[in-house]
Structure formats: C-alpha cells, structure tokens
Amino acid sequence: MWGEWWVWGVAAIALAVGEVILPSFVLLGFAIGAGGIALILLVGGPLAVWLGGSLPVLLLVFAVVSLVSWLALRRWLGVYKGQVKTFDRDINKD
C-alpha cells in the first residue's frame, strides 16, 4: 500500500489542508515531501522501482525531501534578521 502513488497524494493533500488550518510552515514541508514521493511513484522510472520496493528507503527519501523543503520554506518565508518590530509607546496610556 505504501508503494502506491495515490496514498502519498492523499497524504500530501491532507497535510496541505492541515497547513491551512495551522499556519506554521511545518506541515507544508511534509506535504511537499509527500507530493514529491507521489510524483516520483506516478511518473515511474528506475527511481520509482527502487523506492516502491522498500518501505524504509521510501520513508528515508520522504524524510529527506521534507527536510529540504522545510529548510527552503524557512529560508524564503521565515523571519529575517532585524525584522522584529519594537514599540516606543504604549497605546493604552492615551
């Protein structure tokens, strides 16, 4: 069952919906990883045959793709240095 592309596709959609509910860019990295595995298994080729035969290898590739996508999201969409807003006065003292 884990070697089927549609299982990973459903997991990617579920994780993407979860990201909409919990906006933190954590689930989006996992969704991208699951979508990448689904795409590899759907397209086929030697990599899909190699991945589809072994669950530990499949999960390892999923973890690596998810980590790389999460780090990329943090790099492009994260808080940058010096982006913290400071306030000089209290709005409640007016």
C-alpha atoms as a PDB file:
ATOM      1  CA  MET A   1       0.000   0.000   0.000  1.00  0.00           C
ATOM      2  CA  TRP A   2       2.850   2.424   0.758  1.00  0.00           C
ATOM      3  CA  GLY A   3       4.192   1.918  -2.740  1.00  0.00           C
ATOM      4  CA  GLU A   4       1.055   3.360  -4.353  1.00  0.00           C
ATOM      5  CA  TRP A   5       1.261   6.929  -5.632  1.00  0.00           C
ATOM      6  CA  TRP A   6      -2.300   7.852  -4.679  1.00  0.00           C
ATOM      7  CA  VAL A   7      -1.685   7.092  -0.981  1.00  0.00           C
ATOM      8  CA  TRP A   8       1.098   9.670  -0.937  1.00  0.00           C
ATOM      9  CA  GLY A   9      -1.058  12.066  -2.959  1.00  0.00           C
ATOM     10  CA  VAL A  10      -3.886  11.835  -0.433  1.00  0.00           C
ATOM     11  CA  ALA A  11      -1.390  12.341   2.389  1.00  0.00           C
ATOM     12  CA  ALA A  12       0.011  15.426   0.627  1.00  0.00           C
ATOM     13  CA  ILE A  13      -3.465  16.921   0.226  1.00  0.00           C
ATOM     14  CA  ALA A  14      -4.364  16.172   3.850  1.00  0.00           C
ATOM     15  CA  LEU A  15      -1.139  17.779   5.081  1.00  0.00           C
ATOM     16  CA  ALA A  16      -1.685  20.828   2.868  1.00  0.00           C
ATOM     17  CA  VAL A  17      -5.199  21.245   4.284  1.00  0.00           C
ATOM     18  CA  GLY A  18      -3.742  20.901   7.759  1.00  0.00           C
ATOM     19  CA  GLU A  19      -1.288  23.667   6.924  1.00  0.00           C
ATOM     20  CA  VAL A  20      -4.178  25.970   6.059  1.00  0.00           C
ATOM     21  CA  ILE A  21      -5.724  25.260   9.457  1.00  0.00           C
ATOM     22  CA  LEU A  22      -2.414  25.532  11.368  1.00  0.00           C
ATOM     23  CA  PRO A  23      -0.280  28.121   9.537  1.00  0.00           C
ATOM     24  CA  SER A  24       3.262  27.414  10.634  1.00  0.00           C
ATOM     25  CA  PHE A  25       5.014  26.076   7.508  1.00  0.00           C
ATOM     26  CA  VAL A  26       5.749  22.786   9.299  1.00  0.00           C
ATOM     27  CA  LEU A  27       3.042  20.692   7.677  1.00  0.00           C
ATOM     28  CA  LEU A  28       3.695  22.310   4.307  1.00  0.00           C
ATOM     29  CA  GLY A  29       7.190  20.808   4.242  1.00  0.00           C
ATOM     30  CA  PHE A  30       5.738  17.355   4.876  1.00  0.00           C
ATOM     31  CA  ALA A  31       3.067  17.981   2.225  1.00  0.00           C
ATOM     32  CA  ILE A  32       5.738  18.875  -0.321  1.00  0.00           C
ATOM     33  CA  GLY A  33       7.680  15.740   0.645  1.00  0.00           C
ATOM     34  CA  ALA A  34       4.618  13.510   0.263  1.00  0.00           C
ATOM     35  CA  GLY A  35       3.754  15.196  -3.032  1.00  0.00           C
ATOM     36  CA  GLY A  36       7.283  14.622  -4.280  1.00  0.00           C
ATOM     37  CA  ILE A  37       7.103  10.918  -3.430  1.00  0.00           C
ATOM     38  CA  ALA A  38       3.674  10.686  -5.114  1.00  0.00           C
ATOM     39  CA  LEU A  39       5.079  12.334  -8.235  1.00  0.00           C
ATOM     40  CA  ILE A  40       8.092  10.010  -8.333  1.00  0.00           C
ATOM     41  CA  LEU A  41       5.867   6.941  -7.961  1.00  0.00           C
ATOM     42  CA  LEU A  42       3.367   8.236 -10.541  1.00  0.00           C
ATOM     43  CA  VAL A  43       5.925   9.078 -13.223  1.00  0.00           C
ATOM     44  CA  GLY A  44       7.758   5.803 -12.736  1.00  0.00           C
ATOM     45  CA  GLY A  45      11.242   5.034 -13.931  1.00  0.00           C
ATOM     46  CA  PRO A  46      14.155   3.387 -12.170  1.00  0.00           C
ATOM     47  CA  LEU A  47      13.882   5.609  -9.088  1.00  0.00           C
ATOM     48  CA  ALA A  48      10.227   4.634  -8.603  1.00  0.00           C
ATOM     49  CA  VAL A  49      11.072   0.937  -8.897  1.00  0.00           C
ATOM     50  CA  TRP A  50      13.846   1.378  -6.357  1.00  0.00           C
ATOM     51  CA  LEU A  51      11.577   3.318  -3.981  1.00  0.00           C
ATOM     52  CA  GLY A  52       8.481   1.178  -4.403  1.00  0.00           C
ATOM     53  CA  GLY A  53      10.235  -2.000  -3.342  1.00  0.00           C
ATOM     54  CA  SER A  54      11.395  -0.948   0.108  1.00  0.00           C
ATOM     55  CA  LEU A  55       9.412   0.900   2.777  1.00  0.00           C
ATOM     56  CA  PRO A  56      12.479   2.070   4.768  1.00  0.00           C
ATOM     57  CA  VAL A  57      14.054   3.588   1.648  1.00  0.00           C
ATOM     58  CA  LEU A  58      10.734   5.213   0.736  1.00  0.00           C
ATOM     59  CA  LEU A  59      10.411   6.759   4.198  1.00  0.00           C
ATOM     60  CA  LEU A  60      14.041   7.903   4.141  1.00  0.00           C
ATOM     61  CA  VAL A  61      13.573   9.696   0.810  1.00  0.00           C
ATOM     62  CA  PHE A  62      10.318  11.221   2.138  1.00  0.00           C
ATOM     63  CA  ALA A  63      12.148  12.484   5.229  1.00  0.00           C
ATOM     64  CA  VAL A  64      14.997  13.986   3.201  1.00  0.00           C
ATOM     65  CA  VAL A  65      12.664  15.694   0.705  1.00  0.00           C
ATOM     66  CA  SER A  66      10.524  17.017   3.568  1.00  0.00           C
ATOM     67  CA  LEU A  67      13.557  18.368   5.436  1.00  0.00           C
ATOM     68  CA  VAL A  68      14.964  20.084   2.369  1.00  0.00           C
ATOM     69  CA  SER A  69      11.603  21.645   1.524  1.00  0.00           C
ATOM     70  CA  TRP A  70      11.088  22.776   5.131  1.00  0.00           C
ATOM     71  CA  LEU A  71      14.534  24.404   5.208  1.00  0.00           C
ATOM     72  CA  ALA A  72      13.812  26.105   1.881  1.00  0.00           C
ATOM     73  CA  LEU A  73      10.489  27.405   3.207  1.00  0.00           C
ATOM     74  CA  ARG A  74      12.195  28.738   6.331  1.00  0.00           C
ATOM     75  CA  ARG A  75      14.797  30.438   4.158  1.00  0.00           C
ATOM     76  CA  TRP A  76      12.316  32.072   1.771  1.00  0.00           C
ATOM     77  CA  LEU A  77       9.315  32.675   4.021  1.00  0.00           C
ATOM     78  CA  GLY A  78      10.780  32.872   7.518  1.00  0.00           C
ATOM     79  CA  VAL A  79      11.533  35.823   9.752  1.00  0.00           C
ATOM     80  CA  TYR A  80      14.622  37.687   8.618  1.00  0.00           C
ATOM     81  CA  LYS A  81      17.256  39.205  10.876  1.00  0.00           C
ATOM     82  CA  GLY A  82      16.230  42.656  12.056  1.00  0.00           C
ATOM     83  CA  GLN A  83      12.591  42.124  11.164  1.00  0.00           C
ATOM     84  CA  VAL A  84      11.352  42.258  14.765  1.00  0.00           C
ATOM     85  CA  LYS A  85       9.068  45.236  15.423  1.00  0.00           C
ATOM     86  CA  THR A  86       9.627  47.289  18.559  1.00  0.00           C
ATOM     87  CA  PHE A  87       7.215  49.758  20.068  1.00  0.00           C
ATOM     88  CA  ASP A  88       8.221  53.096  21.605  1.00  0.00           C
ATOM     89  CA  ARG A  89       4.970  53.908  23.366  1.00  0.00           C
ATOM     90  CA  ASP A  90       2.063  52.083  24.914  1.00  0.00           C
ATOM     91  CA  ILE A  91      -1.277  52.605  23.155  1.00  0.00           C
ATOM     92  CA  ASN A  92      -3.128  52.080  26.424  1.00  0.00           C
ATOM     93  CA  LYS A  93      -1.629  55.216  28.049  1.00  0.00           C
ATOM     94  CA  ASP A  94      -3.532  57.701  25.853  1.00  0.00           C
END
